[in-house]
Amino acid sequence: MERIPDAFITLRELTEAYGSMMSTQELRSLTEFYSDAMGGETIISQPRTLKHLSRVSVLCVMEGNGTLCPENLNKLFVPREVRSYLKLLE
């Protein structure tokens, strides 16, 4: 599971990087999914929130030790809201 830990990616940046490999519609769909998951569309690159960086860190550790799956996220001893956030539901 790959994540971008430092900055939001704009449609323009995705197009520049992957425009020769993906259609405009695929790139727009990817941008829309990403914007929904992150809580809003971005026009310029900007730093991520500490909340998001924390999610990335937890998920990366779980992925690294082979425990990243929905069932294990549900078993974490954290509030329900935090589990929802880790599962990209919030």
PDB file of N, CA and C in Angstrom:
ATOM      1  N   MET A   1       0.862  -1.166   0.000  1.00  0.00           N
ATOM      2  CA  MET A   1       0.000   0.000   0.000  1.00  0.00           C
ATOM      3  C   MET A   1       0.907   1.227   0.000  1.00  0.00           C
ATOM      4  N   GLU A   2       0.839   1.969  -1.041  1.00  0.00           N
ATOM      5  CA  GLU A   2       1.718   3.128  -1.144  1.00  0.00           C
ATOM      6  C   GLU A   2       0.982   4.392  -0.748  1.00  0.00           C
ATOM      7  N   ARG A   3       1.634   5.224   0.005  1.00  0.00           N
ATOM      8  CA  ARG A   3       1.061   6.497   0.430  1.00  0.00           C
ATOM      9  C   ARG A   3       2.053   7.615   0.160  1.00  0.00           C
ATOM     10  N   ILE A   4       1.525   8.802  -0.028  1.00  0.00           N
ATOM     11  CA  ILE A   4       2.365   9.979  -0.220  1.00  0.00           C
ATOM     12  C   ILE A   4       2.378  10.726   1.103  1.00  0.00           C
ATOM     13  N   PRO A   5       3.475  10.701   1.867  1.00  0.00           N
ATOM     14  CA  PRO A   5       3.453  11.250   3.218  1.00  0.00           C
ATOM     15  C   PRO A   5       3.668  12.747   3.340  1.00  0.00           C
ATOM     16  N   ASP A   6       4.122  13.445   2.304  1.00  0.00           N
ATOM     17  CA  ASP A   6       4.543  14.822   2.521  1.00  0.00           C
ATOM     18  C   ASP A   6       3.622  15.911   1.995  1.00  0.00           C
ATOM     19  N   ALA A   7       2.981  15.721   0.889  1.00  0.00           N
ATOM     20  CA  ALA A   7       2.178  16.804   0.325  1.00  0.00           C
ATOM     21  C   ALA A   7       1.024  16.242  -0.481  1.00  0.00           C
ATOM     22  N   PHE A   8      -0.055  17.028  -0.588  1.00  0.00           N
ATOM     23  CA  PHE A   8      -1.154  16.656  -1.457  1.00  0.00           C
ATOM     24  C   PHE A   8      -0.660  16.669  -2.891  1.00  0.00           C
ATOM     25  N   ILE A   9      -1.280  15.875  -3.723  1.00  0.00           N
ATOM     26  CA  ILE A   9      -0.926  15.842  -5.133  1.00  0.00           C
ATOM     27  C   ILE A   9      -2.068  16.462  -5.920  1.00  0.00           C
ATOM     28  N   THR A  10      -1.742  17.391  -6.770  1.00  0.00           N
ATOM     29  CA  THR A  10      -2.755  18.054  -7.586  1.00  0.00           C
ATOM     30  C   THR A  10      -2.967  17.269  -8.879  1.00  0.00           C
ATOM     31  N   LEU A  11      -4.089  17.529  -9.539  1.00  0.00           N
ATOM     32  CA  LEU A  11      -4.368  16.898 -10.825  1.00  0.00           C
ATOM     33  C   LEU A  11      -3.267  17.245 -11.828  1.00  0.00           C
ATOM     34  N   ARG A  12      -2.818  18.472 -11.799  1.00  0.00           N
ATOM     35  CA  ARG A  12      -1.736  18.882 -12.712  1.00  0.00           C
ATOM     36  C   ARG A  12      -0.479  18.043 -12.480  1.00  0.00           C
ATOM     37  N   GLU A  13      -0.113  17.833 -11.214  1.00  0.00           N
ATOM     38  CA  GLU A  13       1.081  17.039 -10.906  1.00  0.00           C
ATOM     39  C   GLU A  13       0.905  15.583 -11.328  1.00  0.00           C
ATOM     40  N   LEU A  14      -0.289  15.034 -11.108  1.00  0.00           N
ATOM     41  CA  LEU A  14      -0.552  13.664 -11.556  1.00  0.00           C
ATOM     42  C   LEU A  14      -0.465  13.560 -13.068  1.00  0.00           C
ATOM     43  N   THR A  15      -1.015  14.554 -13.758  1.00  0.00           N
ATOM     44  CA  THR A  15      -0.990  14.554 -15.220  1.00  0.00           C
ATOM     45  C   THR A  15       0.443  14.628 -15.732  1.00  0.00           C
ATOM     46  N   GLU A  16       1.247  15.471 -15.115  1.00  0.00           N
ATOM     47  CA  GLU A  16       2.647  15.585 -15.533  1.00  0.00           C
ATOM     48  C   GLU A  16       3.399  14.274 -15.306  1.00  0.00           C
ATOM     49  N   ALA A  17       3.118  13.600 -14.199  1.00  0.00           N
ATOM     50  CA  ALA A  17       3.841  12.382 -13.859  1.00  0.00           C
ATOM     51  C   ALA A  17       3.316  11.149 -14.591  1.00  0.00           C
ATOM     52  N   TYR A  18       1.980  11.049 -14.767  1.00  0.00           N
ATOM     53  CA  TYR A  18       1.392   9.817 -15.277  1.00  0.00           C
ATOM     54  C   TYR A  18       0.529  10.008 -16.526  1.00  0.00           C
ATOM     55  N   GLY A  19       0.526  11.198 -17.080  1.00  0.00           N
ATOM     56  CA  GLY A  19      -0.306  11.490 -18.247  1.00  0.00           C
ATOM     57  C   GLY A  19      -0.039  10.604 -19.446  1.00  0.00           C
ATOM     58  N   SER A  20       1.169  10.123 -19.589  1.00  0.00           N
ATOM     59  CA  SER A  20       1.477   9.256 -20.723  1.00  0.00           C
ATOM     60  C   SER A  20       1.050   7.808 -20.468  1.00  0.00           C
ATOM     61  N   MET A  21       0.722   7.478 -19.203  1.00  0.00           N
ATOM     62  CA  MET A  21       0.357   6.107 -18.859  1.00  0.00           C
ATOM     63  C   MET A  21      -1.125   5.937 -18.544  1.00  0.00           C
ATOM     64  N   MET A  22      -1.793   7.031 -18.182  1.00  0.00           N
ATOM     65  CA  MET A  22      -3.189   6.957 -17.775  1.00  0.00           C
ATOM     66  C   MET A  22      -4.004   7.994 -18.538  1.00  0.00           C
ATOM     67  N   SER A  23      -5.281   7.677 -18.748  1.00  0.00           N
ATOM     68  CA  SER A  23      -6.160   8.622 -19.437  1.00  0.00           C
ATOM     69  C   SER A  23      -6.510   9.779 -18.506  1.00  0.00           C
ATOM     70  N   THR A  24      -6.991  10.859 -19.113  1.00  0.00           N
ATOM     71  CA  THR A  24      -7.413  12.023 -18.333  1.00  0.00           C
ATOM     72  C   THR A  24      -8.513  11.634 -17.355  1.00  0.00           C
ATOM     73  N   GLN A  25      -9.461  10.809 -17.801  1.00  0.00           N
ATOM     74  CA  GLN A  25     -10.566  10.379 -16.937  1.00  0.00           C
ATOM     75  C   GLN A  25     -10.049   9.551 -15.756  1.00  0.00           C
ATOM     76  N   GLU A  26      -9.085   8.656 -15.991  1.00  0.00           N
ATOM     77  CA  GLU A  26      -8.510   7.858 -14.903  1.00  0.00           C
ATOM     78  C   GLU A  26      -7.821   8.758 -13.883  1.00  0.00           C
ATOM     79  N   LEU A  27      -7.105   9.748 -14.371  1.00  0.00           N
ATOM     80  CA  LEU A  27      -6.421  10.677 -13.480  1.00  0.00           C
ATOM     81  C   LEU A  27      -7.419  11.508 -12.681  1.00  0.00           C
ATOM     82  N   ARG A  28      -8.497  11.947 -13.327  1.00  0.00           N
ATOM     83  CA  ARG A  28      -9.538  12.701 -12.612  1.00  0.00           C
ATOM     84  C   ARG A  28     -10.203  11.836 -11.545  1.00  0.00           C
ATOM     85  N   SER A  29     -10.491  10.578 -11.880  1.00  0.00           N
ATOM     86  CA  SER A  29     -11.099   9.660 -10.917  1.00  0.00           C
ATOM     87  C   SER A  29     -10.176   9.443  -9.725  1.00  0.00           C
ATOM     88  N   LEU A  30      -8.901   9.280 -10.000  1.00  0.00           N
ATOM     89  CA  LEU A  30      -7.918   9.107  -8.935  1.00  0.00           C
ATOM     90  C   LEU A  30      -7.866  10.348  -8.052  1.00  0.00           C
ATOM     91  N   THR A  31      -7.867  11.518  -8.674  1.00  0.00           N
ATOM     92  CA  THR A  31      -7.839  12.771  -7.920  1.00  0.00           C
ATOM     93  C   THR A  31      -9.086  12.927  -7.068  1.00  0.00           C
ATOM     94  N   GLU A  32     -10.245  12.589  -7.620  1.00  0.00           N
ATOM     95  CA  GLU A  32     -11.490  12.681  -6.857  1.00  0.00           C
ATOM     96  C   GLU A  32     -11.494  11.724  -5.668  1.00  0.00           C
ATOM     97  N   PHE A  33     -11.043  10.487  -5.884  1.00  0.00           N
ATOM     98  CA  PHE A  33     -10.968   9.522  -4.785  1.00  0.00           C
ATOM     99  C   PHE A  33     -10.038  10.037  -3.695  1.00  0.00           C
ATOM    100  N   TYR A  34      -8.884  10.505  -4.112  1.00  0.00           N
ATOM    101  CA  TYR A  34      -7.881  10.993  -3.169  1.00  0.00           C
ATOM    102  C   TYR A  34      -8.413  12.206  -2.398  1.00  0.00           C
ATOM    103  N   SER A  35      -9.074  13.118  -3.102  1.00  0.00           N
ATOM    104  CA  SER A  35      -9.630  14.308  -2.455  1.00  0.00           C
ATOM    105  C   SER A  35     -10.685  13.928  -1.431  1.00  0.00           C
ATOM    106  N   ASP A  36     -11.555  12.985  -1.781  1.00  0.00           N
ATOM    107  CA  ASP A  36     -12.577  12.527  -0.843  1.00  0.00           C
ATOM    108  C   ASP A  36     -11.945  11.899   0.394  1.00  0.00           C
ATOM    109  N   ALA A  37     -10.934  11.077   0.184  1.00  0.00           N
ATOM    110  CA  ALA A  37     -10.260  10.413   1.307  1.00  0.00           C
ATOM    111  C   ALA A  37      -9.552  11.418   2.206  1.00  0.00           C
ATOM    112  N   MET A  38      -9.043  12.501   1.605  1.00  0.00           N
ATOM    113  CA  MET A  38      -8.278  13.481   2.374  1.00  0.00           C
ATOM    114  C   MET A  38      -9.146  14.618   2.898  1.00  0.00           C
ATOM    115  N   GLY A  39     -10.399  14.655   2.492  1.00  0.00           N
ATOM    116  CA  GLY A  39     -11.295  15.671   3.024  1.00  0.00           C
ATOM    117  C   GLY A  39     -11.340  16.959   2.238  1.00  0.00           C
ATOM    118  N   GLY A  40     -10.954  16.943   0.987  1.00  0.00           N
ATOM    119  CA  GLY A  40     -11.060  18.149   0.182  1.00  0.00           C
ATOM    120  C   GLY A  40     -10.080  18.171  -0.959  1.00  0.00           C
ATOM    121  N   GLU A  41     -10.458  18.890  -1.994  1.00  0.00           N
ATOM    122  CA  GLU A  41      -9.614  19.009  -3.172  1.00  0.00           C
ATOM    123  C   GLU A  41      -8.548  20.063  -2.919  1.00  0.00           C
ATOM    124  N   THR A  42      -7.424  19.902  -3.546  1.00  0.00           N
ATOM    125  CA  THR A  42      -6.363  20.887  -3.424  1.00  0.00           C
ATOM    126  C   THR A  42      -5.952  21.370  -4.803  1.00  0.00           C
ATOM    127  N   ILE A  43      -5.608  22.614  -4.887  1.00  0.00           N
ATOM    128  CA  ILE A  43      -5.175  23.193  -6.157  1.00  0.00           C
ATOM    129  C   ILE A  43      -3.654  23.353  -6.161  1.00  0.00           C
ATOM    130  N   ILE A  44      -3.091  23.531  -4.976  1.00  0.00           N
ATOM    131  CA  ILE A  44      -1.639  23.651  -4.855  1.00  0.00           C
ATOM    132  C   ILE A  44      -1.149  22.623  -3.848  1.00  0.00           C
ATOM    133  N   SER A  45       0.099  22.230  -3.974  1.00  0.00           N
ATOM    134  CA  SER A  45       0.684  21.309  -2.998  1.00  0.00           C
ATOM    135  C   SER A  45       0.822  22.020  -1.666  1.00  0.00           C
ATOM    136  N   GLN A  46       0.540  21.304  -0.608  1.00  0.00           N
ATOM    137  CA  GLN A  46       0.651  21.881   0.722  1.00  0.00           C
ATOM    138  C   GLN A  46       1.005  20.776   1.711  1.00  0.00           C
ATOM    139  N   PRO A  47       1.564  21.124   2.844  1.00  0.00           N
ATOM    140  CA  PRO A  47       1.936  20.104   3.823  1.00  0.00           C
ATOM    141  C   PRO A  47       0.705  19.387   4.355  1.00  0.00           C
ATOM    142  N   ARG A  48       0.898  18.135   4.715  1.00  0.00           N
ATOM    143  CA  ARG A  48      -0.167  17.341   5.316  1.00  0.00           C
ATOM    144  C   ARG A  48      -0.344  17.733   6.769  1.00  0.00           C
ATOM    145  N   THR A  49      -1.511  17.403   7.317  1.00  0.00           N
ATOM    146  CA  THR A  49      -1.775  17.674   8.726  1.00  0.00           C
ATOM    147  C   THR A  49      -1.062  16.642   9.589  1.00  0.00           C
ATOM    148  N   LEU A  50      -0.838  16.997  10.830  1.00  0.00           N
ATOM    149  CA  LEU A  50      -0.236  16.059  11.768  1.00  0.00           C
ATOM    150  C   LEU A  50      -1.136  14.833  11.929  1.00  0.00           C
ATOM    151  N   LYS A  51      -2.430  15.039  11.896  1.00  0.00           N
ATOM    152  CA  LYS A  51      -3.395  13.939  11.990  1.00  0.00           C
ATOM    153  C   LYS A  51      -3.169  12.941  10.855  1.00  0.00           C
ATOM    154  N   HIS A  52      -3.020  13.440   9.641  1.00  0.00           N
ATOM    155  CA  HIS A  52      -2.801  12.553   8.506  1.00  0.00           C
ATOM    156  C   HIS A  52      -1.441  11.857   8.604  1.00  0.00           C
ATOM    157  N   LEU A  53      -0.410  12.603   8.962  1.00  0.00           N
ATOM    158  CA  LEU A  53       0.913  11.992   9.086  1.00  0.00           C
ATOM    159  C   LEU A  53       0.921  10.883  10.132  1.00  0.00           C
ATOM    160  N   SER A  54       0.140  11.062  11.195  1.00  0.00           N
ATOM    161  CA  SER A  54       0.025  10.021  12.217  1.00  0.00           C
ATOM    162  C   SER A  54      -0.632   8.773  11.631  1.00  0.00           C
ATOM    163  N   ARG A  55      -1.682   8.969  10.834  1.00  0.00           N
ATOM    164  CA  ARG A  55      -2.347   7.827  10.196  1.00  0.00           C
ATOM    165  C   ARG A  55      -1.361   7.086   9.299  1.00  0.00           C
ATOM    166  N   VAL A  56      -0.623   7.831   8.490  1.00  0.00           N
ATOM    167  CA  VAL A  56       0.345   7.218   7.586  1.00  0.00           C
ATOM    168  C   VAL A  56       1.374   6.413   8.379  1.00  0.00           C
ATOM    169  N   SER A  57       1.852   6.973   9.478  1.00  0.00           N
ATOM    170  CA  SER A  57       2.853   6.285  10.287  1.00  0.00           C
ATOM    171  C   SER A  57       2.319   4.972  10.851  1.00  0.00           C
ATOM    172  N   VAL A  58       1.106   5.010  11.401  1.00  0.00           N
ATOM    173  CA  VAL A  58       0.506   3.790  11.969  1.00  0.00           C
ATOM    174  C   VAL A  58       0.322   2.738  10.882  1.00  0.00           C
ATOM    175  N   LEU A  59      -0.241   3.142   9.741  1.00  0.00           N
ATOM    176  CA  LEU A  59      -0.487   2.191   8.666  1.00  0.00           C
ATOM    177  C   LEU A  59       0.812   1.628   8.086  1.00  0.00           C
ATOM    178  N   CYS A  60       1.842   2.454   7.996  1.00  0.00           N
ATOM    179  CA  CYS A  60       3.131   1.981   7.485  1.00  0.00           C
ATOM    180  C   CYS A  60       3.760   0.960   8.429  1.00  0.00           C
ATOM    181  N   VAL A  61       3.665   1.206   9.721  1.00  0.00           N
ATOM    182  CA  VAL A  61       4.207   0.242  10.691  1.00  0.00           C
ATOM    183  C   VAL A  61       3.448  -1.076  10.588  1.00  0.00           C
ATOM    184  N   MET A  62       2.112  -0.990  10.518  1.00  0.00           N
ATOM    185  CA  MET A  62       1.310  -2.215  10.408  1.00  0.00           C
ATOM    186  C   MET A  62       1.604  -2.953   9.100  1.00  0.00           C
ATOM    187  N   GLU A  63       1.774  -2.206   8.029  1.00  0.00           N
ATOM    188  CA  GLU A  63       2.104  -2.838   6.751  1.00  0.00           C
ATOM    189  C   GLU A  63       3.480  -3.502   6.826  1.00  0.00           C
ATOM    190  N   GLY A  64       4.430  -2.812   7.440  1.00  0.00           N
ATOM    191  CA  GLY A  64       5.793  -3.330   7.553  1.00  0.00           C
ATOM    192  C   GLY A  64       5.900  -4.613   8.351  1.00  0.00           C
ATOM    193  N   ASN A  65       5.048  -4.757   9.363  1.00  0.00           N
ATOM    194  CA  ASN A  65       5.131  -5.986  10.157  1.00  0.00           C
ATOM    195  C   ASN A  65       4.062  -7.006   9.763  1.00  0.00           C
ATOM    196  N   GLY A  66       3.395  -6.763   8.630  1.00  0.00           N
ATOM    197  CA  GLY A  66       2.462  -7.733   8.077  1.00  0.00           C
ATOM    198  C   GLY A  66       1.117  -7.827   8.776  1.00  0.00           C
ATOM    199  N   THR A  67       0.737  -6.797   9.525  1.00  0.00           N
ATOM    200  CA  THR A  67      -0.528  -6.854  10.254  1.00  0.00           C
ATOM    201  C   THR A  67      -1.581  -5.896   9.714  1.00  0.00           C
ATOM    202  N   LEU A  68      -1.336  -5.303   8.566  1.00  0.00           N
ATOM    203  CA  LEU A  68      -2.282  -4.323   8.019  1.00  0.00           C
ATOM    204  C   LEU A  68      -3.430  -5.035   7.313  1.00  0.00           C
ATOM    205  N   CYS A  69      -4.573  -5.065   7.952  1.00  0.00           N
ATOM    206  CA  CYS A  69      -5.812  -5.572   7.369  1.00  0.00           C
ATOM    207  C   CYS A  69      -6.970  -5.012   8.196  1.00  0.00           C
ATOM    208  N   PRO A  70      -8.168  -4.943   7.631  1.00  0.00           N
ATOM    209  CA  PRO A  70      -9.292  -4.361   8.369  1.00  0.00           C
ATOM    210  C   PRO A  70      -9.559  -5.023   9.715  1.00  0.00           C
ATOM    211  N   GLU A  71      -9.412  -6.340   9.777  1.00  0.00           N
ATOM    212  CA  GLU A  71      -9.671  -7.044  11.039  1.00  0.00           C
ATOM    213  C   GLU A  71      -8.716  -6.574  12.139  1.00  0.00           C
ATOM    214  N   ASN A  72      -7.453  -6.378  11.788  1.00  0.00           N
ATOM    215  CA  ASN A  72      -6.476  -5.929  12.787  1.00  0.00           C
ATOM    216  C   ASN A  72      -6.695  -4.466  13.169  1.00  0.00           C
ATOM    217  N   LEU A  73      -7.146  -3.653  12.224  1.00  0.00           N
ATOM    218  CA  LEU A  73      -7.468  -2.264  12.563  1.00  0.00           C
ATOM    219  C   LEU A  73      -8.611  -2.229  13.574  1.00  0.00           C
ATOM    220  N   ASN A  74      -9.566  -3.142  13.426  1.00  0.00           N
ATOM    221  CA  ASN A  74     -10.686  -3.204  14.371  1.00  0.00           C
ATOM    222  C   ASN A  74     -10.246  -3.642  15.766  1.00  0.00           C
ATOM    223  N   LYS A  75      -9.128  -4.359  15.858  1.00  0.00           N
ATOM    224  CA  LYS A  75      -8.642  -4.865  17.144  1.00  0.00           C
ATOM    225  C   LYS A  75      -7.773  -3.852  17.895  1.00  0.00           C
ATOM    226  N   LEU A  76      -7.406  -2.754  17.246  1.00  0.00           N
ATOM    227  CA  LEU A  76      -6.554  -1.762  17.905  1.00  0.00           C
ATOM    228  C   LEU A  76      -7.248  -1.195  19.142  1.00  0.00           C
ATOM    229  N   PHE A  77      -6.477  -1.002  20.189  1.00  0.00           N
ATOM    230  CA  PHE A  77      -7.020  -0.466  21.434  1.00  0.00           C
ATOM    231  C   PHE A  77      -6.996   1.063  21.369  1.00  0.00           C
ATOM    232  N   VAL A  78      -7.842   1.595  20.497  1.00  0.00           N
ATOM    233  CA  VAL A  78      -7.985   3.038  20.312  1.00  0.00           C
ATOM    234  C   VAL A  78      -9.479   3.331  20.164  1.00  0.00           C
ATOM    235  N   PRO A  79      -9.891   4.579  20.357  1.00  0.00           N
ATOM    236  CA  PRO A  79     -11.310   4.917  20.197  1.00  0.00           C
ATOM    237  C   PRO A  79     -11.831   4.585  18.796  1.00  0.00           C
ATOM    238  N   ARG A  80     -13.120   4.321  18.697  1.00  0.00           N
ATOM    239  CA  ARG A  80     -13.782   3.962  17.445  1.00  0.00           C
ATOM    240  C   ARG A  80     -13.506   5.008  16.357  1.00  0.00           C
ATOM    241  N   GLU A  81     -13.503   6.285  16.745  1.00  0.00           N
ATOM    242  CA  GLU A  81     -13.273   7.353  15.773  1.00  0.00           C
ATOM    243  C   GLU A  81     -11.874   7.248  15.161  1.00  0.00           C
ATOM    244  N   VAL A  82     -10.903   6.863  15.972  1.00  0.00           N
ATOM    245  CA  VAL A  82      -9.531   6.712  15.462  1.00  0.00           C
ATOM    246  C   VAL A  82      -9.470   5.527  14.512  1.00  0.00           C
ATOM    247  N   ARG A  83     -10.128   4.420  14.854  1.00  0.00           N
ATOM    248  CA  ARG A  83     -10.155   3.262  13.944  1.00  0.00           C
ATOM    249  C   ARG A  83     -10.799   3.654  12.624  1.00  0.00           C
ATOM    250  N   SER A  84     -11.880   4.408  12.657  1.00  0.00           N
ATOM    251  CA  SER A  84     -12.542   4.851  11.423  1.00  0.00           C
ATOM    252  C   SER A  84     -11.593   5.708  10.591  1.00  0.00           C
ATOM    253  N   TYR A  85     -10.866   6.577  11.248  1.00  0.00           N
ATOM    254  CA  TYR A  85      -9.914   7.429  10.530  1.00  0.00           C
ATOM    255  C   TYR A  85      -8.807   6.594   9.898  1.00  0.00           C
ATOM    256  N   LEU A  86      -8.299   5.624  10.628  1.00  0.00           N
ATOM    257  CA  LEU A  86      -7.241   4.760  10.088  1.00  0.00           C
ATOM    258  C   LEU A  86      -7.734   3.968   8.884  1.00  0.00           C
ATOM    259  N   LYS A  87      -9.011   3.631   8.854  1.00  0.00           N
ATOM    260  CA  LYS A  87      -9.579   2.868   7.747  1.00  0.00           C
ATOM    261  C   LYS A  87     -10.047   3.781   6.610  1.00  0.00           C
ATOM    262  N   LEU A  88      -9.679   5.052   6.666  1.00  0.00           N
ATOM    263  CA  LEU A  88     -10.025   6.048   5.646  1.00  0.00           C
ATOM    264  C   LEU A  88     -11.530   6.261   5.536  1.00  0.00           C
ATOM    265  N   LEU A  89     -12.256   6.023   6.626  1.00  0.00           N
ATOM    266  CA  LEU A  89     -13.697   6.261   6.640  1.00  0.00           C
ATOM    267  C   LEU A  89     -14.010   7.696   7.008  1.00  0.00           C
ATOM    268  N   GLU A  90     -13.065   8.389   7.588  1.00  0.00           N
ATOM    269  CA  GLU A  90     -13.242   9.796   7.977  1.00  0.00           C
ATOM    270  C   GLU A  90     -12.163  10.625   7.328  1.00  0.00           C
TER     271      GLU A  90
END
